[in-house]
Amino acid sequence: MATQVVMPQMGESIAEGTIVRWIKKVGDSVDRDEPLFEISTDKVDAEIPAPAAGVLTEIKVQAGETVAVNEVVATIGEAFEIAQLPGVSKASEAANATAAAQPQADGAGPAQKKVPTTPKPNGPEAAAYTPSPSASLSHDEVRRQKSSPLVRRIAKEHKVDVSQIHGSGLGGRVTKHDILEFIESPKPESRAQRPEPRAQSPQPDAKSQEPQAQGPEPRAQSPEPRVPAYREGDRVEIEPLSVMRKKIAEHMVMSRRTSAHVHSVFHVNFSTVARIREQKKAEYEQSGTKLTYMAFIAKAVIAALRRFPIVNASLDGDNIVYKKDINLGIAVSLDAGLIVPVIKHADEKNLLGLSRSIADLAERARAKQLKPDEVHGGTFTITNPGQFGSQFGMPIINQPQLAILGVGTIEKRAVVADDAIAIRTMAYLTLGYDHRLIDGATGDHFMAEVKQQIENFDLKSA
């Protein structure tokens, strides 16, 4: 029986992914869990394993195309199936090439088959979303169908017709960045229509004039001009953003727009941890892993999250969602960006287990061997810009989490201890948190607990 291969979801906020390349081609044999294709999202570049063994009989989505999660991208079957369907690969590739090059093609063609139709809404906004009843689809309607479920949901919430938006994605696809920019940008045509009823009103008194006087002040008359990045004649080299880099940008802008970011910085003494690390380093290497500062920090964060469960929660509309599990995301730097693999049930691991998990996830992240579940479900994130020498940073929250810890460089410094100048191993730790739900006092109490755990680290309980 044929097995359908779908676009996996690589994180809670991920609604789509881009296929970077196919590792296998139609007709190739594949084993279960063997790398099948590579995708790129704002969270990860990853090689996706085959869900079953067999023969790759059909590729429905070509390299470079972006599709919604859970959409079928390929089929794995038996060798005889492809023998009965000669030319399926060529036909499939031709159909996809035609759909990408000619988005105005008839709706009965491959473009309509590939992208699910948006359900018809009820209510007064239905006119903005009801597809044309004509037999063929217009360019705008095809572009609207190619938008992701997330984009369509945002459009419905703000009563926006996606066909009004110029898409910057592949084949004119409207991305999340496109629709958010459209919603936030001033709309001169809308403001030009509003004064008409007032101009025709038989009562041009102060009440009707007052809103007109106040209206222009909070809004600009026209969008801010975009300052060009370079001028004609400048010596420049232009390179398009990678899929991962573009989606990271969209996710970061969305996070800043969603959460009220506040940051607290603590200066922490790592001298006790440094001494334990030197004592146990050889022992851990014999166990097949390195004992890094990150394992100690993770252990301290877990203890603090137990005491302050609000920091491990999420905000869902008007509801607080308390997470019973502590799933630590550890940011890993790549050449093309940053990904955050997750240590599930981190509170159940000891210091050695955390060390092994951190090293394993980082190694497989750089080798693009992470599984979808390993970048999904994080409840708190730790990022370490200090490994590059940064004293401290102001990290952006990884949605839908409420907080993120930034670790500055850990180094020996001159500090005052018992009214004397002393040399201690120190570092700045920064907590970025969502002030909509976490007050400054709660954030500082959480950080005080992390500081206390590190400065008085108890190896026996680790």
Protein backbone atom coordinates (compact mmCIF):
# COMPACT_ATOMS: atom_id res chain seq x y z
CA MET A 1 0.00 0.00 0.00
CA ALA A 2 1.30 3.45 -0.90
CA THR A 3 2.49 5.77 1.89
CA GLN A 4 1.99 9.50 1.63
CA VAL A 5 4.90 11.73 2.68
CA VAL A 6 3.80 15.03 4.22
CA MET A 7 5.51 18.31 5.10
CA PRO A 8 6.32 17.95 8.82
CA GLN A 9 5.65 20.64 11.41
CA MET A 10 8.98 21.74 12.86
CA GLY A 11 7.63 23.88 15.71
CA GLU A 12 4.43 25.26 17.24
CA SER A 13 4.47 28.49 15.24
CA ILE A 14 5.54 26.91 11.93
CA ALA A 15 2.77 26.80 9.32
CA GLU A 16 4.82 26.00 6.22
CA GLY A 17 8.17 24.79 4.99
CA THR A 18 10.28 25.08 1.86
CA ILE A 19 11.76 22.04 0.16
CA VAL A 20 15.42 22.85 -0.47
CA ARG A 21 16.34 19.68 -2.34
CA TRP A 22 15.27 16.09 -2.95
CA ILE A 23 17.89 13.58 -1.81
CA LYS A 24 16.08 10.76 -3.62
CA LYS A 25 14.49 10.82 -7.07
CA VAL A 26 11.48 9.01 -8.48
CA GLY A 27 12.28 5.33 -8.90
CA ASP A 28 14.87 5.22 -6.10
CA SER A 29 14.52 2.67 -3.33
CA VAL A 30 14.30 4.09 0.19
CA ASP A 31 14.57 2.55 3.62
CA ARG A 32 12.50 3.65 6.57
CA ASP A 33 14.16 6.65 8.33
CA GLU A 34 16.56 7.15 5.39
CA PRO A 35 16.93 10.88 4.47
CA LEU A 36 14.41 11.65 1.72
CA PHE A 37 14.42 15.44 1.27
CA GLU A 38 15.73 18.58 2.94
CA ILE A 39 13.52 21.42 4.17
CA SER A 40 14.07 24.91 5.51
CA THR A 41 11.95 26.82 8.05
CA ASP A 42 12.64 29.68 10.44
CA LYS A 43 13.58 27.14 13.11
CA VAL A 44 15.65 24.54 11.31
CA ASP A 45 17.24 23.27 8.13
CA ALA A 46 16.68 19.54 8.36
CA GLU A 47 16.84 16.34 6.36
CA ILE A 48 13.45 14.62 6.61
CA PRO A 49 13.51 10.81 6.88
CA ALA A 50 11.26 8.51 4.89
CA PRO A 51 8.21 7.37 6.92
CA ALA A 52 8.28 3.91 5.30
CA ALA A 53 10.41 1.65 3.15
CA GLY A 54 9.70 1.19 -0.54
CA VAL A 55 10.19 3.04 -3.81
CA LEU A 56 9.71 6.77 -4.32
CA THR A 57 6.88 6.65 -6.89
CA GLU A 58 5.92 10.34 -7.12
CA ILE A 59 7.25 13.78 -6.16
CA LYS A 60 4.38 16.24 -5.86
CA VAL A 61 6.33 19.32 -4.68
CA GLN A 62 9.54 20.32 -6.37
CA ALA A 63 12.66 21.87 -4.80
CA GLY A 64 12.22 25.57 -4.10
CA GLU A 65 8.48 25.35 -3.44
CA THR A 66 6.88 26.30 -0.11
CA VAL A 67 3.88 24.34 1.13
CA ALA A 68 1.75 24.18 4.28
CA VAL A 69 2.54 21.63 6.97
CA ASN A 70 0.81 18.24 6.58
CA GLU A 71 0.48 18.75 2.81
CA VAL A 72 1.44 15.68 0.78
CA VAL A 73 4.77 16.20 -0.98
CA ALA A 74 5.54 12.69 -2.24
CA THR A 75 4.39 9.07 -2.36
CA ILE A 76 6.28 5.92 -1.43
CA GLY A 77 4.99 2.66 -2.87
CA GLU A 78 6.14 -0.54 -4.52
CA ALA A 79 8.35 -0.87 -7.58
CA PHE A 80 5.50 -2.28 -9.72
CA GLU A 81 3.43 0.87 -9.12
CA ILE A 82 5.94 3.09 -10.87
CA ALA A 83 6.25 0.50 -13.64
CA GLN A 84 2.51 0.78 -14.23
CA LEU A 85 2.74 4.58 -14.36
CA PRO A 86 5.51 5.31 -16.84
CA GLY A 87 6.59 8.94 -17.02
CA VAL A 88 4.95 9.90 -13.74
CA SER A 89 8.09 11.76 -12.65
CA LYS A 90 8.31 13.74 -15.88
CA ALA A 91 4.62 14.51 -15.88
CA SER A 92 4.77 15.58 -12.27
CA GLU A 93 7.77 17.83 -12.86
CA ALA A 94 6.19 19.37 -15.94
CA ALA A 95 2.97 20.09 -14.06
CA ASN A 96 4.83 21.74 -11.21
CA ALA A 97 6.97 23.79 -13.57
CA THR A 98 3.85 24.98 -15.40
CA ALA A 99 2.10 25.88 -12.15
CA ALA A 100 5.10 27.88 -10.90
CA ALA A 101 5.69 29.69 -14.18
CA GLN A 102 2.03 30.36 -15.03
CA PRO A 103 0.03 31.08 -11.85
CA GLN A 104 -2.86 32.33 -14.05
CA ALA A 105 -3.49 28.83 -15.39
CA ASP A 106 -6.95 27.26 -15.26
CA GLY A 107 -8.08 26.25 -11.78
CA ALA A 108 -8.62 22.65 -12.87
CA GLY A 109 -4.89 22.23 -13.42
CA PRO A 110 -2.13 21.15 -11.02
CA ALA A 111 -2.08 24.46 -9.10
CA GLN A 112 -5.60 23.85 -7.82
CA LYS A 113 -4.87 20.25 -6.95
CA LYS A 114 -1.72 21.05 -5.00
CA VAL A 115 -3.16 23.71 -2.69
CA PRO A 116 -6.28 23.07 -0.59
CA THR A 117 -9.16 25.48 -1.13
CA THR A 118 -9.94 27.96 1.63
CA PRO A 119 -13.27 27.08 3.31
CA LYS A 120 -16.08 29.49 2.52
CA PRO A 121 -16.70 31.71 5.58
CA ASN A 122 -20.07 32.79 6.85
CA GLY A 123 -21.14 36.30 7.78
CA PRO A 124 -20.63 39.74 6.28
CA GLU A 125 -16.99 39.16 5.39
CA ALA A 126 -17.85 36.25 3.10
CA ALA A 127 -17.66 38.48 0.01
CA ALA A 128 -13.97 39.10 0.62
CA TYR A 129 -13.16 35.39 0.65
CA THR A 130 -15.60 33.65 -1.67
CA PRO A 131 -13.72 32.37 -4.74
CA SER A 132 -14.94 33.50 -8.14
CA PRO A 133 -17.68 31.23 -9.49
CA SER A 134 -16.19 31.39 -12.96
CA ALA A 135 -14.72 28.26 -14.44
CA SER A 136 -11.14 29.62 -14.53
CA LEU A 137 -9.25 31.26 -11.68
CA SER A 138 -7.66 34.67 -11.95
CA HIS A 139 -4.04 35.35 -11.06
CA ASP A 140 -5.06 36.91 -7.73
CA GLU A 141 -7.28 33.95 -6.83
CA VAL A 142 -4.52 31.47 -7.55
CA ARG A 143 -2.11 33.54 -5.45
CA ARG A 144 -4.64 33.61 -2.59
CA GLN A 145 -5.04 29.83 -2.74
CA LYS A 146 -1.27 29.43 -2.56
CA SER A 147 -1.03 31.33 0.74
CA SER A 148 -0.54 29.26 3.88
CA PRO A 149 -3.29 28.47 6.42
CA LEU A 150 -1.63 30.92 8.83
CA VAL A 151 -1.81 33.74 6.28
CA ARG A 152 -5.45 32.97 5.53
CA ARG A 153 -6.29 32.95 9.24
CA ILE A 154 -4.62 36.34 9.76
CA ALA A 155 -6.49 37.65 6.71
CA LYS A 156 -9.81 36.45 8.09
CA GLU A 157 -9.16 37.99 11.51
CA HIS A 158 -8.34 41.40 10.00
CA LYS A 159 -10.92 41.16 7.17
CA VAL A 160 -8.25 41.49 4.50
CA ASP A 161 -8.54 40.20 0.94
CA VAL A 162 -5.23 38.46 0.25
CA SER A 163 -5.57 39.23 -3.46
CA GLN A 164 -4.90 42.91 -2.62
CA ILE A 165 -1.43 42.05 -1.37
CA HIS A 166 1.65 41.74 -3.56
CA GLY A 167 3.25 38.44 -2.54
CA SER A 168 7.02 38.23 -2.20
CA GLY A 169 7.08 34.44 -1.98
CA LEU A 170 7.68 31.90 -4.71
CA GLY A 171 5.24 32.34 -7.61
CA GLY A 172 3.66 35.42 -6.00
CA ARG A 173 2.87 33.58 -2.76
CA VAL A 174 1.71 35.89 0.05
CA THR A 175 3.89 35.23 3.11
CA LYS A 176 3.22 36.01 6.75
CA HIS A 177 5.63 38.96 6.51
CA ASP A 178 3.69 40.33 3.51
CA ILE A 179 0.29 40.31 5.23
CA LEU A 180 1.57 41.70 8.55
CA GLU A 181 3.32 44.53 6.69
CA PHE A 182 0.11 45.20 4.72
CA ILE A 183 -2.02 45.30 7.88
CA GLU A 184 0.32 47.69 9.69
CA SER A 185 0.97 50.03 6.77
CA PRO A 186 -1.22 53.17 6.45
CA LYS A 187 -3.97 52.87 3.83
CA PRO A 188 -4.43 56.27 2.10
CA GLU A 189 -7.40 55.02 0.08
CA SER A 190 -9.29 54.05 3.24
CA ARG A 191 -8.75 57.46 4.85
CA ALA A 192 -9.74 59.23 1.63
CA GLN A 193 -13.13 57.50 1.73
CA ARG A 194 -13.88 58.21 5.38
CA PRO A 195 -14.32 62.03 5.20
CA GLU A 196 -17.01 61.74 2.44
CA PRO A 197 -19.98 61.12 4.79
CA ARG A 198 -18.87 64.06 6.94
CA ALA A 199 -18.55 66.35 3.92
CA GLN A 200 -22.12 65.50 2.89
CA SER A 201 -23.51 65.83 6.41
CA PRO A 202 -26.07 68.63 6.89
CA GLN A 203 -24.53 69.45 10.27
CA PRO A 204 -20.92 70.64 9.82
CA ASP A 205 -20.67 71.50 13.52
CA ALA A 206 -17.80 71.12 15.95
CA LYS A 207 -18.64 67.49 16.66
CA SER A 208 -18.11 66.48 13.05
CA GLN A 209 -15.02 68.64 12.72
CA GLU A 210 -13.30 67.40 15.87
CA PRO A 211 -12.55 63.86 14.63
CA GLN A 212 -11.19 65.36 11.40
CA ALA A 213 -8.81 67.56 13.36
CA GLN A 214 -7.62 64.68 15.50
CA GLY A 215 -7.54 62.02 12.77
CA PRO A 216 -4.34 62.92 10.92
CA GLU A 217 -2.23 63.28 14.08
CA PRO A 218 -1.87 59.61 15.13
CA ARG A 219 -1.49 58.44 11.52
CA ALA A 220 0.93 59.44 8.83
CA GLN A 221 -0.59 60.74 5.59
CA SER A 222 1.47 58.30 3.55
CA PRO A 223 3.79 55.37 4.19
CA GLU A 224 7.32 56.21 5.26
CA PRO A 225 9.60 56.24 2.21
CA ARG A 226 11.87 53.23 2.03
CA VAL A 227 15.52 54.33 2.14
CA PRO A 228 17.40 52.53 -0.64
CA ALA A 229 20.14 50.19 0.51
CA TYR A 230 22.47 51.29 -2.26
CA ARG A 231 22.71 53.86 -5.03
CA GLU A 232 23.30 53.45 -8.71
CA GLY A 233 27.02 53.17 -9.30
CA ASP A 234 27.82 51.72 -5.85
CA ARG A 235 30.09 48.70 -5.79
CA VAL A 236 27.79 46.05 -4.27
CA GLU A 237 27.17 42.32 -4.39
CA ILE A 238 23.53 41.27 -4.00
CA GLU A 239 22.58 37.87 -2.62
CA PRO A 240 18.97 36.82 -1.90
CA LEU A 241 18.06 35.82 1.64
CA SER A 242 18.06 32.10 2.29
CA VAL A 243 14.72 30.56 3.18
CA MET A 244 15.88 30.00 6.75
CA ARG A 245 17.21 33.56 7.15
CA LYS A 246 14.00 35.08 5.77
CA LYS A 247 11.78 33.04 8.05
CA ILE A 248 13.95 33.83 11.09
CA ALA A 249 13.45 37.52 10.28
CA GLU A 250 9.68 37.06 10.07
CA HIS A 251 9.57 35.11 13.33
CA MET A 252 11.66 37.67 15.22
CA VAL A 253 9.54 40.60 14.03
CA MET A 254 6.40 38.68 14.99
CA SER A 255 7.79 37.97 18.47
CA ARG A 256 8.65 41.63 19.10
CA ARG A 257 5.16 42.58 17.92
CA THR A 258 3.51 39.93 20.13
CA SER A 259 5.35 40.14 23.46
CA ALA A 260 6.11 43.16 25.65
CA HIS A 261 9.83 42.49 26.02
CA VAL A 262 11.60 43.35 29.29
CA HIS A 263 15.16 42.31 30.21
CA SER A 264 16.90 41.81 33.55
CA VAL A 265 20.69 41.39 33.78
CA PHE A 266 22.45 39.62 36.69
CA HIS A 267 26.20 39.33 37.35
CA VAL A 268 26.83 35.75 38.44
CA ASN A 269 29.86 34.15 40.11
CA PHE A 270 30.80 30.89 38.34
CA SER A 271 33.86 30.14 40.50
CA THR A 272 32.27 27.15 42.28
CA VAL A 273 31.01 25.72 38.98
CA ALA A 274 34.44 26.25 37.37
CA ARG A 275 36.10 24.32 40.20
CA ILE A 276 33.64 21.40 39.93
CA ARG A 277 34.04 21.36 36.17
CA GLU A 278 37.82 21.02 36.44
CA GLN A 279 37.45 18.21 38.97
CA LYS A 280 34.92 16.23 36.91
CA LYS A 281 36.02 17.01 33.36
CA ALA A 282 38.15 13.87 32.90
CA GLU A 283 35.46 11.65 34.43
CA TYR A 284 32.84 12.95 32.03
CA GLU A 285 35.15 12.54 29.03
CA GLN A 286 35.56 8.87 29.98
CA SER A 287 31.76 8.63 29.84
CA GLY A 288 31.84 9.93 26.27
CA THR A 289 30.79 13.56 26.76
CA LYS A 290 32.17 16.98 27.68
CA LEU A 291 31.16 18.77 30.87
CA THR A 292 30.36 22.30 29.75
CA TYR A 293 29.10 25.35 31.61
CA MET A 294 25.82 25.04 29.71
CA ALA A 295 24.91 21.84 31.61
CA PHE A 296 25.32 23.65 34.95
CA ILE A 297 23.25 26.60 33.70
CA ALA A 298 20.52 24.26 32.46
CA LYS A 299 20.41 22.53 35.84
CA ALA A 300 20.08 25.88 37.63
CA VAL A 301 17.33 27.04 35.23
CA ILE A 302 15.36 23.83 35.80
CA ALA A 303 15.44 24.38 39.57
CA ALA A 304 14.25 27.98 39.10
CA LEU A 305 11.44 26.95 36.72
CA ARG A 306 10.16 24.53 39.36
CA ARG A 307 9.89 27.40 41.83
CA PHE A 308 8.38 29.84 39.32
CA PRO A 309 6.11 27.83 36.98
CA ILE A 310 4.72 31.03 35.41
CA VAL A 311 8.06 31.43 33.58
CA ASN A 312 7.53 27.99 32.03
CA ALA A 313 4.01 28.86 30.86
CA SER A 314 2.45 30.32 27.68
CA LEU A 315 -0.27 32.87 27.03
CA ASP A 316 -3.20 31.70 24.89
CA GLY A 317 -5.57 34.62 24.39
CA ASP A 318 -6.98 35.36 27.85
CA ASN A 319 -5.77 32.06 29.31
CA ILE A 320 -2.50 31.11 31.00
CA VAL A 321 -1.28 27.67 29.92
CA TYR A 322 0.91 26.14 32.61
CA LYS A 323 3.26 23.50 31.20
CA LYS A 324 3.71 20.48 33.45
CA ASP A 325 6.89 19.38 31.63
CA ILE A 326 10.12 21.38 31.44
CA ASN A 327 11.36 21.13 27.86
CA LEU A 328 14.55 23.15 27.48
CA GLY A 329 15.44 24.64 24.11
CA ILE A 330 19.19 25.14 23.63
CA ALA A 331 20.01 27.53 20.77
CA VAL A 332 22.64 26.22 18.34
CA SER A 333 24.44 28.53 15.95
CA LEU A 334 24.78 27.45 12.32
CA ASP A 335 26.46 29.08 9.35
CA ALA A 336 23.04 29.93 7.89
CA GLY A 337 21.28 30.98 11.10
CA LEU A 338 20.15 29.69 14.47
CA ILE A 339 18.05 26.68 15.47
CA VAL A 340 16.70 25.60 18.84
CA PRO A 341 16.60 21.84 19.45
CA VAL A 342 14.67 20.84 22.56
CA ILE A 343 15.63 18.58 25.48
CA LYS A 344 12.32 16.94 26.40
CA HIS A 345 11.63 16.33 30.11
CA ALA A 346 14.89 18.06 31.00
CA ASP A 347 13.87 18.11 34.68
CA GLU A 348 14.20 14.31 34.76
CA LYS A 349 17.88 14.36 33.75
CA ASN A 350 20.94 14.67 35.99
CA LEU A 351 24.05 16.70 35.13
CA LEU A 352 25.56 13.88 33.06
CA GLY A 353 22.29 13.33 31.17
CA LEU A 354 21.97 17.04 30.38
CA SER A 355 25.59 17.14 29.16
CA ARG A 356 24.97 14.22 26.82
CA SER A 357 21.70 15.66 25.50
CA ILE A 358 23.18 19.11 24.84
CA ALA A 359 26.17 17.68 22.97
CA ASP A 360 24.06 15.21 20.97
CA LEU A 361 21.46 17.77 19.84
CA ALA A 362 24.10 20.33 18.89
CA GLU A 363 26.06 17.79 16.84
CA ARG A 364 22.99 16.52 14.98
CA ALA A 365 21.66 20.03 14.44
CA ARG A 366 24.84 21.00 12.60
CA ALA A 367 24.64 17.75 10.60
CA LYS A 368 20.96 18.44 9.71
CA GLN A 369 19.90 15.20 11.35
CA LEU A 370 17.32 16.52 13.82
CA LYS A 371 13.88 14.92 13.82
CA PRO A 372 10.77 17.15 13.65
CA ASP A 373 9.84 16.39 17.26
CA GLU A 374 13.24 17.58 18.46
CA VAL A 375 12.55 21.23 17.57
CA HIS A 376 8.97 21.16 18.82
CA GLY A 377 7.41 21.67 22.25
CA GLY A 378 10.02 23.83 23.99
CA THR A 379 8.85 25.67 27.13
CA PHE A 380 11.96 27.78 27.87
CA THR A 381 15.03 28.65 25.78
CA ILE A 382 18.69 29.26 26.62
CA THR A 383 20.93 31.03 24.11
CA ASN A 384 24.68 31.47 24.49
CA PRO A 385 26.11 34.48 22.63
CA GLY A 386 28.93 34.51 25.19
CA GLN A 387 30.68 31.70 23.34
CA PHE A 388 31.68 34.35 20.79
CA GLY A 389 32.86 36.85 23.41
CA SER A 390 29.67 38.85 23.96
CA GLN A 391 29.38 40.24 27.50
CA PHE A 392 25.61 40.03 27.42
CA GLY A 393 22.73 40.40 24.97
CA MET A 394 19.01 41.18 24.90
CA PRO A 395 17.54 38.02 23.35
CA ILE A 396 14.13 37.92 21.66
CA ILE A 397 11.58 35.51 23.11
CA ASN A 398 11.04 32.28 21.19
CA GLN A 399 7.24 32.24 20.68
CA PRO A 400 4.99 30.93 22.15
CA GLN A 401 7.24 30.83 25.20
CA LEU A 402 7.29 33.60 27.80
CA ALA A 403 11.00 33.90 28.55
CA ILE A 404 14.53 33.29 27.26
CA LEU A 405 17.91 33.29 29.04
CA GLY A 406 20.97 34.82 27.38
CA VAL A 407 24.41 33.72 28.62
CA GLY A 408 27.34 36.13 28.34
CA THR A 409 30.99 35.16 28.12
CA ILE A 410 32.28 33.34 31.20
CA GLU A 411 35.70 34.69 32.17
CA LYS A 412 37.89 35.67 35.10
CA ARG A 413 37.37 39.24 36.33
CA ALA A 414 38.45 41.50 39.14
CA VAL A 415 35.57 41.88 41.60
CA VAL A 416 35.12 43.13 45.16
CA ALA A 417 34.88 40.25 47.67
CA ASP A 418 34.93 40.91 51.42
CA ASP A 419 36.07 44.50 50.87
CA ALA A 420 39.03 43.35 48.80
CA ILE A 421 39.81 43.02 45.11
CA ALA A 422 39.64 39.36 44.08
CA ILE A 423 39.76 37.36 40.86
CA ARG A 424 36.60 35.36 40.20
CA THR A 425 35.07 33.52 37.22
CA MET A 426 32.09 35.69 36.33
CA ALA A 427 29.41 36.08 33.67
CA TYR A 428 26.35 38.20 32.92
CA LEU A 429 23.06 36.34 32.55
CA THR A 430 20.13 38.14 30.89
CA LEU A 431 16.50 37.12 31.19
CA GLY A 432 14.19 38.36 28.45
CA TYR A 433 10.54 37.95 29.48
CA ASP A 434 7.03 38.85 28.41
CA HIS A 435 5.80 41.70 30.60
CA ARG A 436 2.20 40.95 29.65
CA LEU A 437 2.30 38.06 32.12
CA ILE A 438 5.61 38.18 34.02
CA ASP A 439 6.14 41.20 36.27
CA GLY A 440 9.57 42.65 36.95
CA ALA A 441 9.56 41.30 40.51
CA THR A 442 8.81 37.76 39.27
CA GLY A 443 11.50 37.97 36.61
CA ASP A 444 14.08 39.21 39.13
CA HIS A 445 13.12 36.57 41.71
CA PHE A 446 13.53 33.91 39.03
CA MET A 447 16.98 35.22 38.12
CA ALA A 448 17.97 35.46 41.80
CA GLU A 449 17.15 31.76 42.10
CA VAL A 450 19.25 30.93 39.02
CA LYS A 451 22.12 32.95 40.48
CA GLN A 452 21.83 31.23 43.84
CA GLN A 453 21.79 27.76 42.23
CA ILE A 454 24.95 28.50 40.21
CA GLU A 455 26.94 30.21 42.94
CA ASN A 456 26.11 27.46 45.47
CA PHE A 457 25.99 24.51 43.10
CA ASP A 458 25.32 21.23 44.91
CA LEU A 459 27.01 18.40 43.05
CA LYS A 460 25.30 15.77 45.23
CA SER A 461 21.85 16.75 43.96
CA ALA A 462 23.02 17.08 40.37
